[in-house]
Protein backbone atom coordinates (compact mmCIF):
# COMPACT_ATOMS: atom_id res chain seq x y z
CA MET A 1 -0.10 0.33 0.03
CA PHE A 2 2.54 2.49 1.56
CA GLY A 3 5.35 0.92 -1.35
CA ALA A 4 3.63 0.95 -4.16
CA SER A 5 4.68 3.27 -7.03
CA GLN A 6 2.85 4.12 -9.91
CA SER A 7 4.46 4.62 -13.53
CA PRO A 8 4.43 8.64 -14.53
CA SER A 9 1.76 9.00 -16.95
CA VAL A 10 2.72 10.35 -20.81
CA GLU A 11 1.60 13.73 -19.72
CA SER A 12 4.26 13.83 -16.41
CA GLN A 13 7.32 12.23 -18.68
CA THR A 14 6.39 15.12 -21.29
CA GLU A 15 6.53 17.68 -18.64
CA MET A 16 9.46 16.08 -16.89
CA SER A 17 11.77 15.97 -20.42
CA ALA A 18 11.09 19.91 -21.11
CA LEU A 19 12.75 20.52 -17.35
CA GLY A 20 16.37 20.90 -16.87
CA SER A 21 18.13 18.29 -14.47
CA SER A 22 17.87 20.83 -11.76
CA GLU A 23 14.67 21.72 -11.95
CA LEU A 24 13.66 17.75 -12.54
CA VAL A 25 15.45 17.49 -9.10
CA ASP A 26 13.42 20.50 -7.52
CA ALA A 27 9.71 18.75 -8.98
CA LEU A 28 10.85 14.85 -7.65
CA GLN A 29 11.79 16.92 -3.91
CA SER A 30 8.56 18.82 -4.32
CA THR A 31 6.72 15.75 -5.35
CA ALA A 32 8.31 13.75 -2.28
CA ALA A 33 7.78 16.43 0.07
CA ARG A 34 4.01 16.46 -0.62
CA GLN A 35 3.99 12.67 -0.29
CA ARG A 36 5.92 12.79 2.95
CA GLU A 37 3.10 15.51 4.74
CA ARG A 38 0.16 13.62 3.55
CA LEU A 39 2.02 10.15 5.27
CA GLU A 40 2.48 12.41 8.23
CA ARG A 41 -1.01 13.84 8.16
CA MET A 42 -2.42 10.27 8.27
CA ILE A 43 0.16 8.90 10.55
CA GLN A 44 -0.58 11.61 13.22
CA ASN A 45 -4.72 11.97 12.79
CA GLU A 46 -5.60 8.32 12.20
CA ILE A 47 -3.32 5.72 12.74
CA VAL A 48 -1.75 6.70 15.75
CA PRO A 49 -5.43 7.96 17.88
CA ARG A 50 -6.59 4.71 16.74
CA LEU A 51 -3.66 2.75 18.17
CA MET A 52 -3.97 5.19 21.49
CA LEU A 53 -7.73 4.36 21.97
CA SER A 54 -7.41 0.61 21.40
CA HIS A 55 -4.74 0.03 23.93
CA ARG A 56 -5.97 2.49 26.10
CA ALA A 57 -2.42 4.41 26.59
CA GLY A 58 -3.47 7.14 29.01
CA PRO A 59 -5.56 9.95 28.66
CA VAL A 60 -6.67 10.72 25.38
CA PRO A 61 -7.29 14.66 24.41
CA PRO A 62 -10.42 15.58 23.43
CA SER A 63 -9.15 16.43 19.72
CA ILE A 64 -7.78 12.99 19.37
CA ALA A 65 -10.80 11.35 20.70
CA SER A 66 -13.22 13.39 18.34
CA ALA A 67 -11.32 12.90 15.28
CA VAL A 68 -11.76 9.37 15.40
CA SER A 69 -15.06 8.67 17.13
CA ARG A 70 -18.00 8.16 14.88
CA GLN A 71 -20.12 11.12 14.48
CA LEU A 72 -23.77 10.44 16.14
CA SER A 73 -26.29 10.40 13.47
CA ASP A 74 -30.36 10.38 12.99
CA ALA A 75 -30.22 7.31 12.94
CA ASP A 76 -28.29 6.62 16.37
CA VAL A 77 -31.04 8.38 17.96
CA THR A 78 -33.76 6.49 16.10
CA ALA A 79 -32.22 3.27 17.94
CA PHE A 80 -31.46 4.93 21.23
CA VAL A 81 -35.30 5.57 21.59
CA ASP A 82 -36.21 2.17 20.69
CA ALA A 83 -33.65 0.82 23.41
CA ILE A 84 -34.70 3.55 26.05
CA ARG A 85 -38.46 2.67 25.22
CA GLY A 86 -37.98 -1.53 25.46
CA GLN A 87 -38.68 -3.68 28.05
CA GLU A 88 -35.12 -4.03 29.29
CA ASP A 89 -33.79 -1.99 31.15
CA GLY A 90 -30.15 -2.38 30.37
CA LEU A 91 -30.70 -1.98 26.61
CA ALA A 92 -29.60 1.85 26.81
CA VAL A 93 -27.14 1.43 29.19
CA GLN A 94 -25.56 -0.85 27.25
CA TYR A 95 -25.72 1.20 23.87
CA VAL A 96 -24.25 4.03 25.50
CA ARG A 97 -20.97 1.91 27.12
CA ASP A 98 -20.90 0.74 23.44
CA LEU A 99 -20.68 4.40 22.16
CA VAL A 100 -18.12 5.33 24.77
CA ALA A 101 -15.90 2.09 24.20
CA THR A 102 -15.43 3.23 20.63
CA GLY A 103 -14.36 6.58 21.47
CA THR A 104 -17.65 8.50 21.49
CA PRO A 105 -16.84 11.64 23.44
CA ILE A 106 -19.58 12.05 26.12
CA ASP A 107 -19.96 15.86 25.51
CA ALA A 108 -21.31 14.55 22.35
CA ILE A 109 -23.89 11.68 24.24
CA TYR A 110 -25.24 14.38 26.22
CA ILE A 111 -25.61 16.96 22.77
CA ASP A 112 -26.49 14.76 19.90
CA LEU A 113 -28.02 11.57 21.51
CA LEU A 114 -29.96 12.40 25.15
CA ALA A 115 -31.11 15.87 24.11
CA PRO A 116 -32.30 14.62 20.78
CA THR A 117 -33.92 11.55 22.22
CA ALA A 118 -36.13 13.56 24.99
CA ARG A 119 -37.06 15.96 22.32
CA ARG A 120 -38.14 13.01 20.02
CA LEU A 121 -40.11 11.50 23.37
CA GLY A 122 -41.72 14.87 23.34
CA MET A 123 -43.21 14.68 20.19
CA LEU A 124 -43.87 10.83 20.42
CA TRP A 125 -46.18 12.31 23.13
CA ASP A 126 -47.90 14.57 21.19
CA ALA A 127 -48.59 12.36 18.25
CA ASP A 128 -50.45 9.69 20.62
CA GLU A 129 -47.75 7.60 19.96
CA CYS A 130 -46.42 6.98 23.91
CA ASP A 131 -48.05 6.98 26.88
CA PHE A 132 -47.64 8.93 30.35
CA VAL A 133 -45.89 5.96 31.97
CA GLU A 134 -43.94 5.00 29.01
CA VAL A 135 -42.54 8.70 28.50
CA THR A 136 -41.79 8.94 32.53
CA VAL A 137 -39.98 5.51 32.56
CA ALA A 138 -37.74 6.73 29.17
CA MET A 139 -37.09 10.30 30.74
CA GLY A 140 -36.25 8.01 34.00
CA ARG A 141 -33.41 5.99 32.16
CA ILE A 142 -31.94 9.20 30.58
CA GLN A 143 -31.36 10.77 34.29
CA ARG A 144 -30.16 7.91 35.68
CA LEU A 145 -27.90 7.74 32.39
CA LEU A 146 -26.88 11.61 33.09
CA ARG A 147 -26.31 11.03 36.67
CA ASP A 148 -23.31 7.89 35.55
CA LEU A 149 -21.82 9.76 33.10
CA SER A 150 -21.49 12.24 35.33
CA GLN A 151 -18.99 11.06 37.75
CA VAL A 152 -16.85 10.29 34.58
CA PHE A 153 -17.48 13.74 32.88
CA LEU A 154 -16.48 15.85 35.86
CA ALA A 155 -13.96 13.34 36.81
CA ASP A 156 -11.06 14.82 34.63
CA ALA A 157 -11.80 18.71 35.19
CA GLY A 158 -9.45 18.57 38.10
CA ARG A 159 -10.23 21.12 40.82
CA LEU A 160 -10.60 24.47 39.51
CA GLU A 161 -11.17 27.73 41.16
CA THR A 162 -14.98 28.74 41.01
CA VAL A 163 -16.09 31.09 38.30
CA GLY A 164 -19.30 32.36 39.95
CA SER A 165 -22.66 30.91 40.33
CA VAL A 166 -25.48 30.12 38.06
CA LEU A 167 -29.12 29.43 39.02
CA LEU A 168 -30.35 27.33 35.72
CA THR A 169 -34.08 27.02 35.65
CA CYS A 170 -37.08 26.71 33.64
CA VAL A 171 -40.14 29.14 33.50
CA PRO A 172 -42.25 28.59 36.01
CA GLY A 173 -45.33 26.08 35.62
CA GLU A 174 -42.83 24.06 33.19
CA GLN A 175 -40.93 20.85 34.16
CA HIS A 176 -38.53 19.72 31.14
CA THR A 177 -35.46 20.26 33.65
CA LEU A 178 -33.38 17.64 31.28
CA GLY A 179 -31.97 20.60 29.36
CA ALA A 180 -31.02 22.78 32.41
CA ILE A 181 -29.38 19.82 34.11
CA ILE A 182 -27.16 18.66 30.64
CA VAL A 183 -26.19 22.66 30.67
CA ALA A 184 -25.28 22.36 34.69
CA GLU A 185 -22.48 19.17 33.55
CA PHE A 186 -20.86 21.58 31.34
CA MET A 187 -21.32 24.09 33.80
CA LEU A 188 -19.94 22.49 36.77
CA ARG A 189 -16.81 21.42 34.52
CA ASP A 190 -15.80 24.69 33.80
CA GLY A 191 -15.93 25.39 37.83
CA TRP A 192 -19.12 27.36 38.34
CA ARG A 193 -20.75 26.59 41.83
CA VAL A 194 -24.60 25.72 40.01
CA LEU A 195 -28.17 25.19 41.24
CA VAL A 196 -30.47 23.95 38.93
CA GLY A 197 -34.22 22.70 39.26
CA ALA A 198 -38.02 23.89 38.21
CA PRO A 199 -39.74 26.54 40.87
CA TRP A 200 -43.02 25.22 41.66
CA THR A 201 -44.53 28.42 41.55
CA GLU A 202 -43.91 31.93 40.72
CA GLY A 203 -42.53 32.86 43.86
CA ASP A 204 -40.16 30.40 44.05
CA LEU A 205 -38.12 31.88 41.75
CA LEU A 206 -38.30 35.40 43.31
CA THR A 207 -37.18 34.05 46.81
CA LEU A 208 -34.31 32.08 45.61
CA VAL A 209 -33.02 35.25 43.68
CA SER A 210 -33.47 37.94 46.31
CA ALA A 211 -31.95 35.10 49.23
CA GLU A 212 -29.08 34.32 47.15
CA TRP A 213 -26.76 35.70 45.06
CA PHE A 214 -26.06 35.10 41.50
CA ASP A 215 -24.18 36.09 38.83
CA VAL A 216 -26.33 33.98 35.85
CA VAL A 217 -29.52 32.85 35.61
CA GLY A 218 -30.31 30.77 32.89
CA PHE A 219 -33.42 29.94 31.63
CA SER A 220 -34.31 26.38 29.17
CA VAL A 221 -37.59 27.24 27.39
CA GLY A 222 -39.02 24.65 25.85
CA CYS A 223 -41.88 26.01 24.26
CA GLU A 224 -42.84 29.03 22.54
CA ASN A 225 -45.96 29.96 23.90
CA ARG A 226 -44.28 30.32 27.04
CA LEU A 227 -42.43 33.42 26.36
CA SER A 228 -45.04 36.29 27.50
CA THR A 229 -44.22 34.38 31.18
CA LEU A 230 -40.53 34.59 30.60
CA LYS A 231 -40.71 37.62 29.78
CA ARG A 232 -42.69 38.73 32.57
CA GLU A 233 -40.36 36.35 34.72
CA ILE A 234 -36.79 38.02 33.49
CA ARG A 235 -38.13 41.38 34.72
CA ARG A 236 -39.34 40.55 38.07
CA LEU A 237 -36.06 38.81 38.38
CA ARG A 238 -33.86 41.41 37.93
CA SER A 239 -36.31 43.90 40.37
CA ALA A 240 -36.05 41.24 43.28
CA SER A 241 -32.25 39.51 42.53
CA ARG A 242 -30.28 40.25 45.37
CA ASN A 243 -27.51 40.75 42.64
CA PRO A 244 -28.24 44.28 40.87
CA ASN A 245 -25.75 42.81 37.77
CA VAL A 246 -27.21 39.90 37.59
CA ARG A 247 -27.39 38.34 34.21
CA VAL A 248 -29.92 36.19 32.37
CA MET A 249 -29.04 33.75 29.70
CA VAL A 250 -31.42 31.85 27.71
CA GLY A 251 -31.78 28.40 25.69
CA GLY A 252 -33.95 26.59 23.75
CA LYS A 253 -34.81 26.41 19.69
CA VAL A 254 -36.81 28.92 19.74
CA PHE A 255 -33.42 31.75 20.15
CA VAL A 256 -31.61 29.27 17.68
CA ASP A 257 -34.43 30.56 14.89
CA ASP A 258 -34.63 34.06 16.11
CA HIS A 259 -32.06 35.43 17.49
CA ASP A 260 -33.82 38.97 17.89
CA MET A 261 -35.91 36.91 20.35
CA VAL A 262 -33.12 37.55 23.26
CA SER A 263 -33.95 40.91 23.58
CA ARG A 264 -37.18 40.84 22.96
CA VAL A 265 -37.82 38.81 26.58
CA GLY A 266 -35.08 40.44 27.88
CA ALA A 267 -32.39 38.24 28.30
CA ASP A 268 -28.66 39.30 27.67
CA ALA A 269 -27.62 36.66 25.89
CA PHE A 270 -28.21 32.96 24.34
CA ALA A 271 -26.51 29.77 24.03
CA THR A 272 -26.74 27.47 21.48
CA ASP A 273 -26.10 24.17 23.33
CA ALA A 274 -24.47 23.12 26.49
CA ARG A 275 -21.11 23.45 25.31
CA GLU A 276 -21.37 27.10 24.38
CA ALA A 277 -23.21 27.90 28.23
CA PRO A 278 -20.21 28.37 29.95
CA VAL A 279 -18.46 30.19 27.22
CA ILE A 280 -21.42 32.52 26.96
CA ALA A 281 -21.80 33.26 30.70
CA ARG A 282 -17.91 34.01 31.35
CA SER A 283 -18.56 36.67 28.59
CA LEU A 284 -21.50 38.20 30.86
CA LEU A 285 -19.28 37.67 33.80
CA ALA A 286 -16.42 39.40 32.11
CA ALA A 287 -18.73 42.40 30.72
CA VAL A 288 -19.90 42.96 34.24
CA ALA A 289 -16.46 43.30 35.89
CA SER A 290 -14.84 45.44 33.23
CA ALA A 291 -18.43 47.79 33.71
CA SER A 292 -18.20 47.54 37.58
CA PRO A 293 -15.84 49.65 39.64
CA THR A 294 -16.97 47.10 42.23
CA PRO A 295 -15.12 43.88 42.50
CA LEU A 296 -16.99 41.33 41.61
CA GLY A 297 -17.56 38.79 44.51
CA SER A 298 -17.25 41.36 47.07
CA ALA A 299 -21.25 40.77 47.65
CA ARG A 300 -21.36 36.68 47.37
CA GLU A 301 -21.40 35.25 50.60
CA GLY A 302 -21.21 31.44 50.96
CA ILE A 303 -19.69 30.75 47.61
CA SER A 304 -16.49 28.71 47.35
CA GLY A 305 -14.97 25.57 46.01
CA HIS A 306 -15.95 23.49 42.51
CA GLY A 307 -19.37 23.65 43.66
CA GLU A 308 -21.77 20.83 43.47
CA LEU A 309 -25.00 20.20 41.26
CA SER A 310 -27.92 20.60 43.19
CA GLU A 311 -31.51 20.10 42.72
CA ALA A 312 -33.13 21.58 46.19
CA ILE A 313 -35.59 23.31 43.95
CA ARG A 314 -36.75 20.63 41.90
CA ARG A 315 -40.18 19.18 42.93
CA GLU A 316 -40.64 16.29 40.40
């Protein structure tokens, strides 16, 4: 394969004959250099990463792991939905284990498998193709998988200096917290102190932000018809917040489809997915820090350490 050579074409021979000896040497050297470069890229980008994964030779850098792992497709989501809805409780677990074993990054499993599966289940529910019990069991399995994957996902983050404090929630009255929980994993991994959950009543959210300091509040929005409620809650949240400079981040398909909706509901920014959320949150924190003469954190009490994923206000 690597040692095989091909005879020059007639056109190549004609071109070479037209060259002087020095030009011919330069041309051959240039061709050889290009071939060496292609071979080096193949060894670096394909052969070495696959050997590292097959022999588990220490931690594999994320860039290499993602280069050799297959991309999750709609077919994978369909197969996983079938597994999560199946009678055997271990089918979904085994499906995810197989993905991890072949080098699929956990962040891809979160974003490209679990989140689309939850949306697919919602579509099946809306179409009356699965009942309440089936959806409840399937979502329970997804949340157990999240807990299991979390230990691995957060393990290599190390002990980070706390970036800030974030509350991740949804619009009062909604109970779909899976998106917020996935975002929480990425925020924790980035060093944030995180509180996540769904307020049972409208008063719960206001009570919480008035009692505790949050640098950022993130809303996960599932339904477009809840946007007017979200706009009202953001306005009330800013008035009640213990932090006068609290920043509000939103996420959900409605904001991806219409970026102008972010400002219309009174939010400061939106994140397209959980990977982007820590970056956006840090940028909001930096903007406040550059605009405020008072050092951030001077009003925070009891915020220290890497933080823990808390669901203190979840009452599902």
